[in-house]
mmCIF file of all heavy atoms, coordinates in Angstrom:
data_MODEL
# 
_entry.id   MODEL 
# 
loop_
_atom_site.group_PDB 
_atom_site.id 
_atom_site.type_symbol 
_atom_site.label_atom_id 
_atom_site.label_alt_id 
_atom_site.label_comp_id 
_atom_site.label_asym_id 
_atom_site.label_entity_id 
_atom_site.label_seq_id 
_atom_site.pdbx_PDB_ins_code 
_atom_site.Cartn_x 
_atom_site.Cartn_y 
_atom_site.Cartn_z 
_atom_site.occupancy 
_atom_site.B_iso_or_equiv 
_atom_site.pdbx_formal_charge 
_atom_site.auth_seq_id 
_atom_site.auth_comp_id 
_atom_site.auth_asym_id 
_atom_site.auth_atom_id 
_atom_site.pdbx_PDB_model_num 
ATOM 1   N N   . HIS A 1 1  ? -17.157 -18.877 -9.770  1.00 0.00 ? 1  HIS A N   1 
ATOM 2   C CA  . HIS A 1 1  ? -17.677 -19.982 -8.988  1.00 0.00 ? 1  HIS A CA  1 
ATOM 3   C C   . HIS A 1 1  ? -18.555 -20.961 -9.781  1.00 0.00 ? 1  HIS A C   1 
ATOM 4   O O   . HIS A 1 1  ? -18.883 -22.024 -9.283  1.00 0.00 ? 1  HIS A O   1 
ATOM 5   C CB  . HIS A 1 1  ? -18.503 -19.437 -7.805  1.00 0.00 ? 1  HIS A CB  1 
ATOM 6   C CG  . HIS A 1 1  ? -17.736 -18.467 -6.967  1.00 0.00 ? 1  HIS A CG  1 
ATOM 7   N ND1 . HIS A 1 1  ? -16.779 -18.853 -6.066  1.00 0.00 ? 1  HIS A ND1 1 
ATOM 8   C CD2 . HIS A 1 1  ? -17.738 -17.109 -6.948  1.00 0.00 ? 1  HIS A CD2 1 
ATOM 9   C CE1 . HIS A 1 1  ? -16.258 -17.786 -5.488  1.00 0.00 ? 1  HIS A CE1 1 
ATOM 10  N NE2 . HIS A 1 1  ? -16.820 -16.722 -6.003  1.00 0.00 ? 1  HIS A NE2 1 
ATOM 11  N N   . ASP A 1 2  ? -18.947 -20.574 -11.004 1.00 0.00 ? 2  ASP A N   1 
ATOM 12  C CA  . ASP A 1 2  ? -19.844 -21.416 -11.777 1.00 0.00 ? 2  ASP A CA  1 
ATOM 13  C C   . ASP A 1 2  ? -19.554 -21.203 -13.263 1.00 0.00 ? 2  ASP A C   1 
ATOM 14  O O   . ASP A 1 2  ? -19.009 -20.167 -13.651 1.00 0.00 ? 2  ASP A O   1 
ATOM 15  C CB  . ASP A 1 2  ? -21.295 -21.079 -11.461 1.00 0.00 ? 2  ASP A CB  1 
ATOM 16  C CG  . ASP A 1 2  ? -22.272 -22.194 -11.815 1.00 0.00 ? 2  ASP A CG  1 
ATOM 17  O OD1 . ASP A 1 2  ? -21.857 -23.177 -12.455 1.00 0.00 ? 2  ASP A OD1 1 
ATOM 18  O OD2 . ASP A 1 2  ? -23.461 -22.059 -11.447 1.00 0.00 ? 2  ASP A OD2 1 
ATOM 19  N N   . ASN A 1 3  ? -19.943 -22.151 -14.060 1.00 0.00 ? 3  ASN A N   1 
ATOM 20  C CA  . ASN A 1 3  ? -19.764 -22.080 -15.502 1.00 0.00 ? 3  ASN A CA  1 
ATOM 21  C C   . ASN A 1 3  ? -21.011 -21.406 -16.080 1.00 0.00 ? 3  ASN A C   1 
ATOM 22  O O   . ASN A 1 3  ? -22.024 -22.056 -16.289 1.00 0.00 ? 3  ASN A O   1 
ATOM 23  C CB  . ASN A 1 3  ? -19.541 -23.483 -16.074 1.00 0.00 ? 3  ASN A CB  1 
ATOM 24  C CG  . ASN A 1 3  ? -19.077 -23.430 -17.508 1.00 0.00 ? 3  ASN A CG  1 
ATOM 25  O OD1 . ASN A 1 3  ? -18.935 -22.379 -18.108 1.00 0.00 ? 3  ASN A OD1 1 
ATOM 26  N ND2 . ASN A 1 3  ? -18.844 -24.606 -18.078 1.00 0.00 ? 3  ASN A ND2 1 
ATOM 27  N N   . ILE A 1 4  ? -20.902 -20.111 -16.316 1.00 0.00 ? 4  ILE A N   1 
ATOM 28  C CA  . ILE A 1 4  ? -22.044 -19.304 -16.774 1.00 0.00 ? 4  ILE A CA  1 
ATOM 29  C C   . ILE A 1 4  ? -21.939 -19.081 -18.277 1.00 0.00 ? 4  ILE A C   1 
ATOM 30  O O   . ILE A 1 4  ? -20.894 -18.692 -18.794 1.00 0.00 ? 4  ILE A O   1 
ATOM 31  C CB  . ILE A 1 4  ? -22.098 -17.939 -16.054 1.00 0.00 ? 4  ILE A CB  1 
ATOM 32  C CG1 . ILE A 1 4  ? -22.105 -18.124 -14.534 1.00 0.00 ? 4  ILE A CG1 1 
ATOM 33  C CG2 . ILE A 1 4  ? -23.284 -17.121 -16.524 1.00 0.00 ? 4  ILE A CG2 1 
ATOM 34  C CD1 . ILE A 1 4  ? -23.329 -18.754 -13.974 1.00 0.00 ? 4  ILE A CD1 1 
ATOM 35  N N   . GLU A 1 5  ? -23.024 -19.320 -18.975 1.00 0.00 ? 5  GLU A N   1 
ATOM 36  C CA  . GLU A 1 5  ? -23.085 -19.187 -20.428 1.00 0.00 ? 5  GLU A CA  1 
ATOM 37  C C   . GLU A 1 5  ? -23.373 -17.758 -20.867 1.00 0.00 ? 5  GLU A C   1 
ATOM 38  O O   . GLU A 1 5  ? -23.006 -17.359 -21.979 1.00 0.00 ? 5  GLU A O   1 
ATOM 39  C CB  . GLU A 1 5  ? -24.189 -20.136 -20.920 1.00 0.00 ? 5  GLU A CB  1 
ATOM 40  C CG  . GLU A 1 5  ? -24.389 -20.199 -22.391 1.00 0.00 ? 5  GLU A CG  1 
ATOM 41  C CD  . GLU A 1 5  ? -25.422 -21.271 -22.733 1.00 0.00 ? 5  GLU A CD  1 
ATOM 42  O OE1 . GLU A 1 5  ? -25.090 -22.456 -22.689 1.00 0.00 ? 5  GLU A OE1 1 
ATOM 43  O OE2 . GLU A 1 5  ? -26.569 -20.883 -23.023 1.00 0.00 ? 5  GLU A OE2 1 
ATOM 44  N N   . THR A 1 6  ? -24.048 -16.987 -20.069 1.00 0.00 ? 6  THR A N   1 
ATOM 45  C CA  . THR A 1 6  ? -24.410 -15.608 -20.413 1.00 0.00 ? 6  THR A CA  1 
ATOM 46  C C   . THR A 1 6  ? -23.134 -14.829 -20.737 1.00 0.00 ? 6  THR A C   1 
ATOM 47  O O   . THR A 1 6  ? -22.178 -14.839 -19.969 1.00 0.00 ? 6  THR A O   1 
ATOM 48  C CB  . THR A 1 6  ? -25.151 -14.947 -19.236 1.00 0.00 ? 6  THR A CB  1 
ATOM 49  O OG1 . THR A 1 6  ? -26.248 -15.794 -18.874 1.00 0.00 ? 6  THR A OG1 1 
ATOM 50  C CG2 . THR A 1 6  ? -25.675 -13.577 -19.630 1.00 0.00 ? 6  THR A CG2 1 
ATOM 51  N N   . LEU A 1 7  ? -23.113 -14.156 -21.882 1.00 0.00 ? 7  LEU A N   1 
ATOM 52  C CA  . LEU A 1 7  ? -21.902 -13.535 -22.362 1.00 0.00 ? 7  LEU A CA  1 
ATOM 53  C C   . LEU A 1 7  ? -21.574 -12.203 -21.712 1.00 0.00 ? 7  LEU A C   1 
ATOM 54  O O   . LEU A 1 7  ? -20.397 -11.867 -21.549 1.00 0.00 ? 7  LEU A O   1 
ATOM 55  C CB  . LEU A 1 7  ? -21.992 -13.332 -23.887 1.00 0.00 ? 7  LEU A CB  1 
ATOM 56  C CG  . LEU A 1 7  ? -22.104 -14.626 -24.708 1.00 0.00 ? 7  LEU A CG  1 
ATOM 57  C CD1 . LEU A 1 7  ? -22.292 -14.300 -26.184 1.00 0.00 ? 7  LEU A CD1 1 
ATOM 58  C CD2 . LEU A 1 7  ? -20.895 -15.488 -24.486 1.00 0.00 ? 7  LEU A CD2 1 
ATOM 59  N N   . SER A 1 8  ? -22.585 -11.415 -21.385 1.00 0.00 ? 8  SER A N   1 
ATOM 60  C CA  . SER A 1 8  ? -22.299 -10.093 -20.830 1.00 0.00 ? 8  SER A CA  1 
ATOM 61  C C   . SER A 1 8  ? -23.421 -9.657  -19.902 1.00 0.00 ? 8  SER A C   1 
ATOM 62  O O   . SER A 1 8  ? -24.520 -10.216 -19.915 1.00 0.00 ? 8  SER A O   1 
ATOM 63  C CB  . SER A 1 8  ? -22.166 -9.062  -21.965 1.00 0.00 ? 8  SER A CB  1 
ATOM 64  O OG  . SER A 1 8  ? -23.408 -8.831  -22.574 1.00 0.00 ? 8  SER A OG  1 
ATOM 65  N N   . GLY A 1 9  ? -23.124 -8.626  -19.112 1.00 0.00 ? 9  GLY A N   1 
ATOM 66  C CA  . GLY A 1 9  ? -24.149 -8.045  -18.239 1.00 0.00 ? 9  GLY A CA  1 
ATOM 67  C C   . GLY A 1 9  ? -25.294 -7.477  -19.029 1.00 0.00 ? 9  GLY A C   1 
ATOM 68  O O   . GLY A 1 9  ? -26.452 -7.572  -18.632 1.00 0.00 ? 9  GLY A O   1 
ATOM 69  N N   . LYS A 1 10 ? -24.977 -6.892  -20.189 1.00 0.00 ? 10 LYS A N   1 
ATOM 70  C CA  . LYS A 1 10 ? -26.016 -6.336  -21.039 1.00 0.00 ? 10 LYS A CA  1 
ATOM 71  C C   . LYS A 1 10 ? -26.955 -7.437  -21.544 1.00 0.00 ? 10 LYS A C   1 
ATOM 72  O O   . LYS A 1 10 ? -28.161 -7.274  -21.573 1.00 0.00 ? 10 LYS A O   1 
ATOM 73  C CB  . LYS A 1 10 ? -25.381 -5.613  -22.207 1.00 0.00 ? 10 LYS A CB  1 
ATOM 74  C CG  . LYS A 1 10 ? -26.348 -4.832  -23.069 1.00 0.00 ? 10 LYS A CG  1 
ATOM 75  C CD  . LYS A 1 10 ? -25.622 -4.043  -24.138 1.00 0.00 ? 10 LYS A CD  1 
ATOM 76  C CE  . LYS A 1 10 ? -26.597 -3.224  -24.954 1.00 0.00 ? 10 LYS A CE  1 
ATOM 77  N NZ  . LYS A 1 10 ? -25.907 -2.432  -25.980 1.00 0.00 ? 10 LYS A NZ  1 
ATOM 78  N N   . ASP A 1 11 ? -26.378 -8.596  -21.910 1.00 0.00 ? 11 ASP A N   1 
ATOM 79  C CA  . ASP A 1 11 ? -27.193 -9.734  -22.362 1.00 0.00 ? 11 ASP A CA  1 
ATOM 80  C C   . ASP A 1 11 ? -28.054 -10.282 -21.219 1.00 0.00 ? 11 ASP A C   1 
ATOM 81  O O   . ASP A 1 11 ? -29.121 -10.843 -21.469 1.00 0.00 ? 11 ASP A O   1 
ATOM 82  C CB  . ASP A 1 11 ? -26.308 -10.871 -22.889 1.00 0.00 ? 11 ASP A CB  1 
ATOM 83  C CG  . ASP A 1 11 ? -25.669 -10.527 -24.204 1.00 0.00 ? 11 ASP A CG  1 
ATOM 84  O OD1 . ASP A 1 11 ? -26.159 -9.632  -24.909 1.00 0.00 ? 11 ASP A OD1 1 
ATOM 85  O OD2 . ASP A 1 11 ? -24.645 -11.163 -24.549 1.00 0.00 ? 11 ASP A OD2 1 
ATOM 86  N N   . ALA A 1 12 ? -27.573 -10.169 -19.987 1.00 0.00 ? 12 ALA A N   1 
ATOM 87  C CA  . ALA A 1 12 ? -28.288 -10.727 -18.838 1.00 0.00 ? 12 ALA A CA  1 
ATOM 88  C C   . ALA A 1 12 ? -29.492 -9.874  -18.451 1.00 0.00 ? 12 ALA A C   1 
ATOM 89  O O   . ALA A 1 12 ? -30.469 -10.388 -17.910 1.00 0.00 ? 12 ALA A O   1 
ATOM 90  C CB  . ALA A 1 12 ? -27.356 -10.850 -17.648 1.00 0.00 ? 12 ALA A CB  1 
ATOM 91  N N   . LEU A 1 13 ? -29.425 -8.594  -18.703 1.00 0.00 ? 13 LEU A N   1 
ATOM 92  C CA  . LEU A 1 13 ? -30.457 -7.659  -18.244 1.00 0.00 ? 13 LEU A CA  1 
ATOM 93  C C   . LEU A 1 13 ? -31.720 -7.762  -19.100 1.00 0.00 ? 13 LEU A C   1 
ATOM 94  O O   . LEU A 1 13 ? -31.666 -7.773  -20.322 1.00 0.00 ? 13 LEU A O   1 
ATOM 95  C CB  . LEU A 1 13 ? -29.912 -6.232  -18.285 1.00 0.00 ? 13 LEU A CB  1 
ATOM 96  C CG  . LEU A 1 13 ? -30.584 -5.204  -17.407 1.00 0.00 ? 13 LEU A CG  1 
ATOM 97  C CD1 . LEU A 1 13 ? -30.532 -5.606  -15.943 1.00 0.00 ? 13 LEU A CD1 1 
ATOM 98  C CD2 . LEU A 1 13 ? -29.905 -3.851  -17.573 1.00 0.00 ? 13 LEU A CD2 1 
ATOM 99  N N   . PHE A 1 14 ? -32.854 -7.837  -18.431 1.00 0.00 ? 14 PHE A N   1 
ATOM 100 C CA  . PHE A 1 14 ? -34.141 -7.909  -19.134 1.00 0.00 ? 14 PHE A CA  1 
ATOM 101 C C   . PHE A 1 14 ? -34.621 -6.520  -19.528 1.00 0.00 ? 14 PHE A C   1 
ATOM 102 O O   . PHE A 1 14 ? -34.223 -5.505  -18.928 1.00 0.00 ? 14 PHE A O   1 
ATOM 103 C CB  . PHE A 1 14 ? -35.211 -8.558  -18.255 1.00 0.00 ? 14 PHE A CB  1 
ATOM 104 C CG  . PHE A 1 14 ? -34.926 -9.986  -17.873 1.00 0.00 ? 14 PHE A CG  1 
ATOM 105 C CD1 . PHE A 1 14 ? -35.584 -10.557 -16.813 1.00 0.00 ? 14 PHE A CD1 1 
ATOM 106 C CD2 . PHE A 1 14 ? -33.990 -10.761 -18.532 1.00 0.00 ? 14 PHE A CD2 1 
ATOM 107 C CE1 . PHE A 1 14 ? -35.373 -11.864 -16.447 1.00 0.00 ? 14 PHE A CE1 1 
ATOM 108 C CE2 . PHE A 1 14 ? -33.741 -12.077 -18.181 1.00 0.00 ? 14 PHE A CE2 1 
ATOM 109 C CZ  . PHE A 1 14 ? -34.438 -12.624 -17.125 1.00 0.00 ? 14 PHE A CZ  1 
ATOM 110 N N   . ARG A 1 15 ? -35.497 -6.462  -20.505 1.00 0.00 ? 15 ARG A N   1 
ATOM 111 C CA  . ARG A 1 15 ? -36.070 -5.190  -20.952 1.00 0.00 ? 15 ARG A CA  1 
ATOM 112 C C   . ARG A 1 15 ? -36.934 -4.576  -19.850 1.00 0.00 ? 15 ARG A C   1 
ATOM 113 O O   . ARG A 1 15 ? -37.537 -5.302  -19.064 1.00 0.00 ? 15 ARG A O   1 
ATOM 114 C CB  . ARG A 1 15 ? -36.925 -5.428  -22.187 1.00 0.00 ? 15 ARG A CB  1 
ATOM 115 C CG  . ARG A 1 15 ? -36.160 -5.923  -23.384 1.00 0.00 ? 15 ARG A CG  1 
ATOM 116 C CD  . ARG A 1 15 ? -37.088 -6.432  -24.476 1.00 0.00 ? 15 ARG A CD  1 
ATOM 117 N NE  . ARG A 1 15 ? -38.308 -5.673  -24.630 1.00 0.00 ? 15 ARG A NE  1 
ATOM 118 C CZ  . ARG A 1 15 ? -38.577 -4.854  -25.633 1.00 0.00 ? 15 ARG A CZ  1 
ATOM 119 N NH1 . ARG A 1 15 ? -37.729 -4.696  -26.594 1.00 0.00 ? 15 ARG A NH1 1 
ATOM 120 N NH2 . ARG A 1 15 ? -39.718 -4.195  -25.670 1.00 0.00 ? 15 ARG A NH2 1 
ATOM 121 N N   . ILE A 1 16 ? -37.055 -3.282  -19.867 1.00 0.00 ? 16 ILE A N   1 
ATOM 122 C CA  . ILE A 1 16 ? -37.890 -2.596  -18.887 1.00 0.00 ? 16 ILE A CA  1 
ATOM 123 C C   . ILE A 1 16 ? -39.332 -2.483  -19.359 1.00 0.00 ? 16 ILE A C   1 
ATOM 124 O O   . ILE A 1 16 ? -40.245 -2.214  -18.605 1.00 0.00 ? 16 ILE A O   1 
ATOM 125 C CB  . ILE A 1 16 ? -37.310 -1.200  -18.530 1.00 0.00 ? 16 ILE A CB  1 
ATOM 126 C CG1 . ILE A 1 16 ? -37.898 -0.708  -17.211 1.00 0.00 ? 16 ILE A CG1 1 
ATOM 127 C CG2 . ILE A 1 16 ? -37.554 -0.211  -19.690 1.00 0.00 ? 16 ILE A CG2 1 
ATOM 128 C CD1 . ILE A 1 16 ? -37.148 0.406   -16.544 1.00 0.00 ? 16 ILE A CD1 1 
ATOM 129 N N   . TYR A 1 17 ? -39.546 -2.783  -20.637 1.00 0.00 ? 17 TYR A N   1 
ATOM 130 C CA  . TYR A 1 17 ? -40.878 -2.647  -21.200 1.00 0.00 ? 17 TYR A CA  1 
ATOM 131 C C   . TYR A 1 17 ? -41.747 -3.865  -20.846 1.00 0.00 ? 17 TYR A C   1 
ATOM 132 O O   . TYR A 1 17 ? -41.343 -5.001  -21.038 1.00 0.00 ? 17 TYR A O   1 
ATOM 133 C CB  . TYR A 1 17 ? -40.791 -2.520  -22.734 1.00 0.00 ? 17 TYR A CB  1 
ATOM 134 C CG  . TYR A 1 17 ? -39.867 -1.401  -23.148 1.00 0.00 ? 17 TYR A CG  1 
ATOM 135 C CD1 . TYR A 1 17 ? -38.573 -1.659  -23.530 1.00 0.00 ? 17 TYR A CD1 1 
ATOM 136 C CD2 . TYR A 1 17 ? -40.305 -0.080  -23.103 1.00 0.00 ? 17 TYR A CD2 1 
ATOM 137 C CE1 . TYR A 1 17 ? -37.724 -0.626  -23.894 1.00 0.00 ? 17 TYR A CE1 1 
ATOM 138 C CE2 . TYR A 1 17 ? -39.476 0.964   -23.467 1.00 0.00 ? 17 TYR A CE2 1 
ATOM 139 C CZ  . TYR A 1 17 ? -38.162 0.681   -23.856 1.00 0.00 ? 17 TYR A CZ  1 
ATOM 140 O OH  . TYR A 1 17 ? -37.332 1.701   -24.190 1.00 0.00 ? 17 TYR A OH  1 
ATOM 141 N N   . ASN A 1 18 ? -42.933 -3.612  -20.347 1.00 0.00 ? 18 ASN A N   1 
ATOM 142 C CA  . ASN A 1 18 ? -43.893 -4.673  -20.028 1.00 0.00 ? 18 ASN A CA  1 
ATOM 143 C C   . ASN A 1 18 ? -44.575 -5.151  -21.302 1.00 0.00 ? 18 ASN A C   1 
ATOM 144 O O   . ASN A 1 18 ? -44.906 -4.351  -22.184 1.00 0.00 ? 18 ASN A O   1 
ATOM 145 C CB  . ASN A 1 18 ? -44.972 -4.172  -19.064 1.00 0.00 ? 18 ASN A CB  1 
ATOM 146 C CG  . ASN A 1 18 ? -44.677 -4.440  -17.627 1.00 0.00 ? 18 ASN A CG  1 
ATOM 147 O OD1 . ASN A 1 18 ? -43.968 -5.396  -17.316 1.00 0.00 ? 18 ASN A OD1 1 
ATOM 148 N ND2 . ASN A 1 18 ? -45.194 -3.610  -16.751 1.00 0.00 ? 18 ASN A ND2 1 
ATOM 149 N N   . ASP A 1 19 ? -44.835 -6.448  -21.356 1.00 0.00 ? 19 ASP A N   1 
ATOM 150 C CA  . ASP A 1 19 ? -45.676 -6.994  -22.428 1.00 0.00 ? 19 ASP A CA  1 
ATOM 151 C C   . ASP A 1 19 ? -47.109 -6.968  -21.892 1.00 0.00 ? 19 ASP A C   1 
ATOM 152 O O   . ASP A 1 19 ? -47.467 -7.763  -21.051 1.00 0.00 ? 19 ASP A O   1 
ATOM 153 C CB  . ASP A 1 19 ? -45.235 -8.427  -22.754 1.00 0.00 ? 19 ASP A CB  1 
ATOM 154 C CG  . ASP A 1 19 ? -46.047 -9.033  -23.886 1.00 0.00 ? 19 ASP A CG  1 
ATOM 155 O OD1 . ASP A 1 19 ? -46.996 -8.366  -24.360 1.00 0.00 ? 19 ASP A OD1 1 
ATOM 156 O OD2 . ASP A 1 19 ? -45.734 -10.156 -24.280 1.00 0.00 ? 19 ASP A OD2 1 
ATOM 157 N N   . ILE A 1 20 ? -47.883 -6.026  -22.377 1.00 0.00 ? 20 ILE A N   1 
ATOM 158 C CA  . ILE A 1 20 ? -49.226 -5.805  -21.816 1.00 0.00 ? 20 ILE A CA  1 
ATOM 159 C C   . ILE A 1 20 ? -50.319 -6.473  -22.649 1.00 0.00 ? 20 ILE A C   1 
ATOM 160 O O   . ILE A 1 20 ? -51.497 -6.333  -22.329 1.00 0.00 ? 20 ILE A O   1 
ATOM 161 C CB  . ILE A 1 20 ? -49.535 -4.299  -21.655 1.00 0.00 ? 20 ILE A CB  1 
ATOM 162 C CG1 . ILE A 1 20 ? -49.462 -3.586  -23.001 1.00 0.00 ? 20 ILE A CG1 1 
ATOM 163 C CG2 . ILE A 1 20 ? -48.595 -3.664  -20.663 1.00 0.00 ? 20 ILE A CG2 1 
ATOM 164 C CD1 . ILE A 1 20 ? -49.967 -2.164  -22.976 1.00 0.00 ? 20 ILE A CD1 1 
ATOM 165 N N   . ARG A 1 21 ? -49.929 -7.222  -23.685 1.00 0.00 ? 21 ARG A N   1 
ATOM 166 C CA  . ARG A 1 21 ? -50.940 -7.791  -24.580 1.00 0.00 ? 21 ARG A CA  1 
ATOM 167 C C   . ARG A 1 21 ? -51.941 -8.673  -23.851 1.00 0.00 ? 21 ARG A C   1 
ATOM 168 O O   . ARG A 1 21 ? -53.112 -8.647  -24.160 1.00 0.00 ? 21 ARG A O   1 
ATOM 169 C CB  . ARG A 1 21 ? -50.262 -8.608  -25.694 1.00 0.00 ? 21 ARG A CB  1 
ATOM 170 C CG  . ARG A 1 21 ? -49.467 -7.762  -26.640 1.00 0.00 ? 21 ARG A CG  1 
ATOM 171 C CD  . ARG A 1 21 ? -48.728 -8.621  -27.622 1.00 0.00 ? 21 ARG A CD  1 
ATOM 172 N NE  . ARG A 1 21 ? -47.797 -9.478  -26.888 1.00 0.00 ? 21 ARG A NE  1 
ATOM 173 C CZ  . ARG A 1 21 ? -47.103 -10.472 -27.421 1.00 0.00 ? 21 ARG A CZ  1 
ATOM 174 N NH1 . ARG A 1 21 ? -47.252 -10.771 -28.692 1.00 0.00 ? 21 ARG A NH1 1 
ATOM 175 N NH2 . ARG A 1 21 ? -46.265 -11.176 -26.701 1.00 0.00 ? 21 ARG A NH2 1 
ATOM 176 N N   . PHE A 1 22 ? -51.493 -9.463  -22.891 1.00 0.00 ? 22 PHE A N   1 
ATOM 177 C CA  . PHE A 1 22 ? -52.383 -10.419 -22.217 1.00 0.00 ? 22 PHE A CA  1 
ATOM 178 C C   . PHE A 1 22 ? -52.484 -10.145 -20.721 1.00 0.00 ? 22 PHE A C   1 
ATOM 179 O O   . PHE A 1 22 ? -52.850 -11.008 -19.951 1.00 0.00 ? 22 PHE A O   1 
ATOM 180 C CB  . PHE A 1 22 ? -51.888 -11.846 -22.455 1.00 0.00 ? 22 PHE A CB  1 
ATOM 181 C CG  . PHE A 1 22 ? -51.643 -12.157 -23.901 1.00 0.00 ? 22 PHE A CG  1 
ATOM 182 C CD1 . PHE A 1 22 ? -50.359 -12.271 -24.389 1.00 0.00 ? 22 PHE A CD1 1 
ATOM 183 C CD2 . PHE A 1 22 ? -52.704 -12.295 -24.763 1.00 0.00 ? 22 PHE A CD2 1 
ATOM 184 C CE1 . PHE A 1 22 ? -50.134 -12.543 -25.743 1.00 0.00 ? 22 PHE A CE1 1 
ATOM 185 C CE2 . PHE A 1 22 ? -52.496 -12.571 -26.121 1.00 0.00 ? 22 PHE A CE2 1 
ATOM 186 C CZ  . PHE A 1 22 ? -51.207 -12.688 -26.605 1.00 0.00 ? 22 PHE A CZ  1 
ATOM 187 N N   . SER A 1 23 ? -52.140 -8.955  -20.302 1.00 0.00 ? 23 SER A N   1 
ATOM 188 C CA  . SER A 1 23 ? -52.084 -8.615  -18.894 1.00 0.00 ? 23 SER A CA  1 
ATOM 189 C C   . SER A 1 23 ? -53.207 -7.671  -18.485 1.00 0.00 ? 23 SER A C   1 
ATOM 190 O O   . SER A 1 23 ? -53.583 -6.762  -19.239 1.00 0.00 ? 23 SER A O   1 
ATOM 191 C CB  . SER A 1 23 ? -50.720 -7.966  -18.596 1.00 0.00 ? 23 SER A CB  1 
ATOM 192 O OG  . SER A 1 23 ? -50.653 -7.570  -17.260 1.00 0.00 ? 23 SER A OG  1 
ATOM 193 N N   . LYS A 1 24 ? -53.700 -7.867  -17.268 1.00 0.00 ? 24 LYS A N   1 
ATOM 194 C CA  . LYS A 1 24 ? -54.688 -6.910  -16.728 1.00 0.00 ? 24 LYS A CA  1 
ATOM 195 C C   . LYS A 1 24 ? -53.990 -5.621  -16.318 1.00 0.00 ? 24 LYS A C   1 
ATOM 196 O O   . LYS A 1 24 ? -54.594 -4.553  -16.338 1.00 0.00 ? 24 LYS A O   1 
ATOM 197 C CB  . LYS A 1 24 ? -55.385 -7.537  -15.529 1.00 0.00 ? 24 LYS A CB  1 
ATOM 198 C CG  . LYS A 1 24 ? -56.337 -8.640  -15.926 1.00 0.00 ? 24 LYS A CG  1 
ATOM 199 C CD  . LYS A 1 24 ? -57.047 -9.226  -14.713 1.00 0.00 ? 24 LYS A CD  1 
ATOM 200 C CE  . LYS A 1 24 ? -57.933 -10.374 -15.140 1.00 0.00 ? 24 LYS A CE  1 
ATOM 201 N NZ  . LYS A 1 24 ? -58.620 -10.984 -14.032 1.00 0.00 ? 24 LYS A NZ  1 
ATOM 202 N N   . ASP A 1 25 ? -52.715 -5.712  -15.926 1.00 0.00 ? 25 ASP A N   1 
ATOM 203 C CA  . ASP A 1 25 ? -51.919 -4.543  -15.568 1.00 0.00 ? 25 ASP A CA  1 
ATOM 204 C C   . ASP A 1 25 ? -51.443 -3.886  -16.868 1.00 0.00 ? 25 ASP A C   1 
ATOM 205 O O   . ASP A 1 25 ? -50.637 -4.448  -17.603 1.00 0.00 ? 25 ASP A O   1 
ATOM 206 C CB  . ASP A 1 25 ? -50.717 -4.937  -14.688 1.00 0.00 ? 25 ASP A CB  1 
ATOM 207 C CG  . ASP A 1 25 ? -49.845 -3.764  -14.327 1.00 0.00 ? 25 ASP A CG  1 
ATOM 208 O OD1 . ASP A 1 25 ? -50.200 -2.610  -14.648 1.00 0.00 ? 25 ASP A OD1 1 
ATOM 209 O OD2 . ASP A 1 25 ? -48.787 -3.994  -13.720 1.00 0.00 ? 25 ASP A OD2 1 
ATOM 210 N N   . ARG A 1 26 ? -51.934 -2.721  -17.161 1.00 0.00 ? 26 ARG A N   1 
ATOM 211 C CA  . ARG A 1 26 ? -51.604 -2.044  -18.408 1.00 0.00 ? 26 ARG A CA  1 
ATOM 212 C C   . ARG A 1 26 ? -50.426 -1.078  -18.266 1.00 0.00 ? 26 ARG A C   1 
ATOM 213 O O   . ARG A 1 26 ? -50.175 -0.263  -19.160 1.00 0.00 ? 26 ARG A O   1 
ATOM 214 C CB  . ARG A 1 26 ? -52.821 -1.281  -18.936 1.00 0.00 ? 26 ARG A CB  1 
ATOM 215 C CG  . ARG A 1 26 ? -54.098 -2.133  -19.077 1.00 0.00 ? 26 ARG A CG  1 
ATOM 216 C CD  . ARG A 1 26 ? -53.912 -3.375  -19.884 1.00 0.00 ? 26 ARG A CD  1 
ATOM 217 N NE  . ARG A 1 26 ? -54.004 -3.080  -21.302 1.00 0.00 ? 26 ARG A NE  1 
ATOM 218 C CZ  . ARG A 1 26 ? -53.884 -3.980  -22.269 1.00 0.00 ? 26 ARG A CZ  1 
ATOM 219 N NH1 . ARG A 1 26 ? -53.674 -5.234  -21.970 1.00 0.00 ? 26 ARG A NH1 1 
ATOM 220 N NH2 . ARG A 1 26 ? -53.967 -3.646  -23.517 1.00 0.00 ? 26 ARG A NH2 1 
ATOM 221 N N   . SER A 1 27 ? -49.685 -1.183  -17.177 1.00 0.00 ? 27 SER A N   1 
ATOM 222 C CA  . SER A 1 27 ? -48.497 -0.330  -17.000 1.00 0.00 ? 27 SER A CA  1 
ATOM 223 C C   . SER A 1 27 ? -47.472 -0.674  -18.069 1.00 0.00 ? 27 SER A C   1 
ATOM 224 O O   . SER A 1 27 ? -47.098 -1.830  -18.231 1.00 0.00 ? 27 SER A O   1 
ATOM 225 C CB  . SER A 1 27 ? -47.868 -0.552  -15.627 1.00 0.00 ? 27 SER A CB  1 
ATOM 226 O OG  . SER A 1 27 ? -48.791 -0.346  -14.602 1.00 0.00 ? 27 SER A OG  1 
# 
């Protein structure tokens, strides 16, 4: 239905690791 540039589902998925360097939430 649309012209999507993302190559794969793996490329689309974000990391599960939080960037806690500047966050109050240290999870």
